[in-house]
Structures are given as C-alpha cells and as structure tokens.
C-alpha atoms as a PDB file:
ATOM      1  CA  MET A   1      40.087 -15.590 -33.248  1.00  0.00           C
ATOM      2  CA  ALA A   2      36.264 -15.805 -33.253  1.00  0.00           C
ATOM      3  CA  GLU A   3      36.249 -14.752 -36.878  1.00  0.00           C
ATOM      4  CA  ALA A   4      38.572 -17.544 -37.887  1.00  0.00           C
ATOM      5  CA  ARG A   5      36.372 -20.012 -35.937  1.00  0.00           C
ATOM      6  CA  ASN A   6      33.337 -18.710 -37.726  1.00  0.00           C
ATOM      7  CA  LEU A   7      34.850 -19.056 -41.133  1.00  0.00           C
ATOM      8  CA  ILE A   8      36.011 -22.654 -40.399  1.00  0.00           C
ATOM      9  CA  ASN A   9      32.524 -23.564 -39.376  1.00  0.00           C
ATOM     10  CA  SER A  10      31.109 -21.819 -42.484  1.00  0.00           C
ATOM     11  CA  GLU A  11      29.231 -19.428 -40.256  1.00  0.00           C
ATOM     12  CA  ALA A  12      29.416 -15.663 -40.428  1.00  0.00           C
ATOM     13  CA  LYS A  13      28.123 -13.154 -37.872  1.00  0.00           C
ATOM     14  CA  MET A  14      26.650  -9.874 -39.106  1.00  0.00           C
ATOM     15  CA  MET A  15      24.745  -7.033 -37.542  1.00  0.00           C
ATOM     16  CA  LEU A  16      21.078  -7.053 -38.388  1.00  0.00           C
ATOM     17  CA  GLY A  17      21.142  -3.378 -39.339  1.00  0.00           C
ATOM     18  CA  PHE A  18      23.656  -4.147 -42.148  1.00  0.00           C
ATOM     19  CA  ILE A  19      21.424  -6.914 -43.464  1.00  0.00           C
ATOM     20  CA  VAL A  20      18.300  -4.677 -43.386  1.00  0.00           C
ATOM     21  CA  ARG A  21      20.228  -1.993 -45.288  1.00  0.00           C
ATOM     22  CA  ARG A  22      21.347  -4.488 -47.912  1.00  0.00           C
ATOM     23  CA  CYS A  23      17.722  -5.544 -48.323  1.00  0.00           C
ATOM     24  CA  ALA A  24      16.666  -1.968 -48.703  1.00  0.00           C
ATOM     25  CA  ALA A  25      19.387  -1.383 -51.467  1.00  0.00           C
ATOM     26  CA  ASP A  26      18.243  -4.472 -53.204  1.00  0.00           C
ATOM     27  CA  ILE A  27      14.521  -3.656 -53.306  1.00  0.00           C
ATOM     28  CA  GLY A  28      14.984   0.192 -53.567  1.00  0.00           C
ATOM     29  CA  HIS A  29      13.308   1.318 -50.373  1.00  0.00           C
ATOM     30  CA  PRO A  30      13.180   0.509 -46.665  1.00  0.00           C
ATOM     31  CA  PRO A  31      11.502  -2.872 -46.361  1.00  0.00           C
ATOM     32  CA  SER A  32       8.311  -3.815 -44.483  1.00  0.00           C
ATOM     33  CA  PRO A  33       8.692  -6.834 -42.189  1.00  0.00           C
ATOM     34  CA  ALA A  34       6.844  -8.863 -44.895  1.00  0.00           C
ATOM     35  CA  GLU A  35       9.254  -7.735 -47.629  1.00  0.00           C
ATOM     36  CA  PHE A  36      12.319  -8.342 -45.469  1.00  0.00           C
ATOM     37  CA  ALA A  37      11.110 -11.868 -44.617  1.00  0.00           C
ATOM     38  CA  THR A  38      10.512 -12.560 -48.323  1.00  0.00           C
ATOM     39  CA  TRP A  39      13.941 -11.212 -49.213  1.00  0.00           C
ATOM     40  CA  ALA A  40      15.724 -13.073 -46.474  1.00  0.00           C
ATOM     41  CA  ASN A  41      13.953 -16.344 -47.241  1.00  0.00           C
ATOM     42  CA  GLY A  42      15.327 -16.032 -50.779  1.00  0.00           C
ATOM     43  CA  GLN A  43      12.202 -15.509 -52.762  1.00  0.00           C
ATOM     44  CA  ALA A  44      13.470 -13.632 -55.804  1.00  0.00           C
ATOM     45  CA  GLN A  45      11.260 -11.232 -57.638  1.00  0.00           C
ATOM     46  CA  ASN A  46      11.151 -13.493 -60.654  1.00  0.00           C
ATOM     47  CA  GLY A  47       9.900 -16.407 -58.613  1.00  0.00           C
ATOM     48  CA  LYS A  48      13.254 -18.242 -58.565  1.00  0.00           C
ATOM     49  CA  HIS A  49      14.082 -19.523 -55.035  1.00  0.00           C
ATOM     50  CA  LEU A  50      17.460 -18.527 -53.637  1.00  0.00           C
ATOM     51  CA  CYS A  51      18.908 -19.654 -50.386  1.00  0.00           C
ATOM     52  CA  CYS A  52      17.535 -18.701 -47.012  1.00  0.00           C
ATOM     53  CA  LEU A  53      19.811 -16.011 -45.626  1.00  0.00           C
ATOM     54  CA  PHE A  54      19.575 -17.225 -41.997  1.00  0.00           C
ATOM     55  CA  GLY A  55      19.616 -20.944 -42.787  1.00  0.00           C
ATOM     56  CA  LYS A  56      15.916 -21.230 -42.162  1.00  0.00           C
ATOM     57  CA  GLU A  57      12.854 -19.249 -43.220  1.00  0.00           C
ATOM     58  CA  ILE A  58      11.693 -16.336 -41.032  1.00  0.00           C
ATOM     59  CA  SER A  59       8.170 -14.951 -40.668  1.00  0.00           C
ATOM     60  CA  PRO A  60       7.131 -11.347 -40.997  1.00  0.00           C
ATOM     61  CA  ALA A  61       6.584 -11.339 -37.217  1.00  0.00           C
ATOM     62  CA  ILE A  62      10.146 -12.433 -36.643  1.00  0.00           C
ATOM     63  CA  ALA A  63      11.399  -9.765 -39.174  1.00  0.00           C
ATOM     64  CA  LYS A  64       9.520  -7.068 -37.095  1.00  0.00           C
ATOM     65  CA  VAL A  65      11.331  -8.144 -33.976  1.00  0.00           C
ATOM     66  CA  MET A  66      14.674  -8.120 -35.894  1.00  0.00           C
ATOM     67  CA  PHE A  67      13.981  -4.518 -36.904  1.00  0.00           C
ATOM     68  CA  SER A  68      14.017  -3.494 -33.288  1.00  0.00           C
ATOM     69  CA  GLN A  69      17.502  -5.021 -32.762  1.00  0.00           C
ATOM     70  CA  PRO A  70      19.714  -3.486 -35.497  1.00  0.00           C
ATOM     71  CA  GLY A  71      22.973  -4.045 -33.465  1.00  0.00           C
ATOM     72  CA  ARG A  72      22.326  -7.730 -32.798  1.00  0.00           C
ATOM     73  CA  LEU A  73      24.832 -10.166 -34.318  1.00  0.00           C
ATOM     74  CA  VAL A  74      23.148 -12.986 -36.140  1.00  0.00           C
ATOM     75  CA  THR A  75      24.527 -16.075 -37.896  1.00  0.00           C
ATOM     76  CA  VAL A  76      24.215 -15.860 -41.730  1.00  0.00           C
ATOM     77  CA  SER A  77      24.619 -19.059 -43.889  1.00  0.00           C
ATOM     78  CA  ALA A  78      27.607 -19.233 -46.193  1.00  0.00           C
ATOM     79  CA  GLU A  79      25.235 -19.187 -49.211  1.00  0.00           C
ATOM     80  CA  GLY A  80      23.415 -16.133 -47.746  1.00  0.00           C
ATOM     81  CA  LEU A  81      26.692 -14.292 -47.152  1.00  0.00           C
ATOM     82  CA  ALA A  82      27.672 -14.917 -50.735  1.00  0.00           C
ATOM     83  CA  ARG A  83      24.259 -13.630 -51.841  1.00  0.00           C
ATOM     84  CA  ILE A  84      24.727 -10.424 -49.820  1.00  0.00           C
ATOM     85  CA  TRP A  85      28.184  -9.773 -51.281  1.00  0.00           C
ATOM     86  CA  ARG A  86      26.985 -10.532 -54.879  1.00  0.00           C
ATOM     87  CA  GLY A  87      24.099  -8.077 -54.370  1.00  0.00           C
ATOM     88  CA  ASN A  88      26.705  -5.490 -53.173  1.00  0.00           C
ATOM     89  CA  GLY A  89      28.502  -5.547 -56.510  1.00  0.00           C
ATOM     90  CA  ARG A  90      31.422  -7.737 -55.313  1.00  0.00           C
END
C-alpha cells in the first residue's frame, strides 16, 4: 500500500546503501563523501548538469552522515530514480 502511495506522489523510497553502491558502480570505485555529493547532485563528468537525486543538493558533510546510515530509507525524486535505473542498464 505504501509503495502505491509513493508512486502516486512521484516519490520513491530507497535504502541509502543501494544508492551508494549505484554511485560506486558509476564512478568505478567506492565514493568519497565529496564524490557522492557531486554524483547525487547531478554533476556529470562532462560538466552537463543532471537532476538532483534527492530533489535538492547535498553537501559532502551530509554525504558523510549518509554513509553511516546505509539501511535508512530516503526519498528519491522521480527524475533521480530514472537516472539510477538508466545507469543500471535498464
């Protein structure tokens, strides 16, 4: 029931650990807090700006806190969710 409500509101909940692993797969190594913040904020390697994964920008300090809570569920924007799945080869 909660999943249906999240889809209706264009919100998706994901575990932080999954998101960090997706980032690691995209950049080729476990990310530092600064690398994760850059990736989550949508700053592509070629300078093209993508969407912010969490709906707003995060700082490296916030990313460091996120690393300590891999099981925490967080809201991911619809655009961010699409970006994660595209990056996963889907």
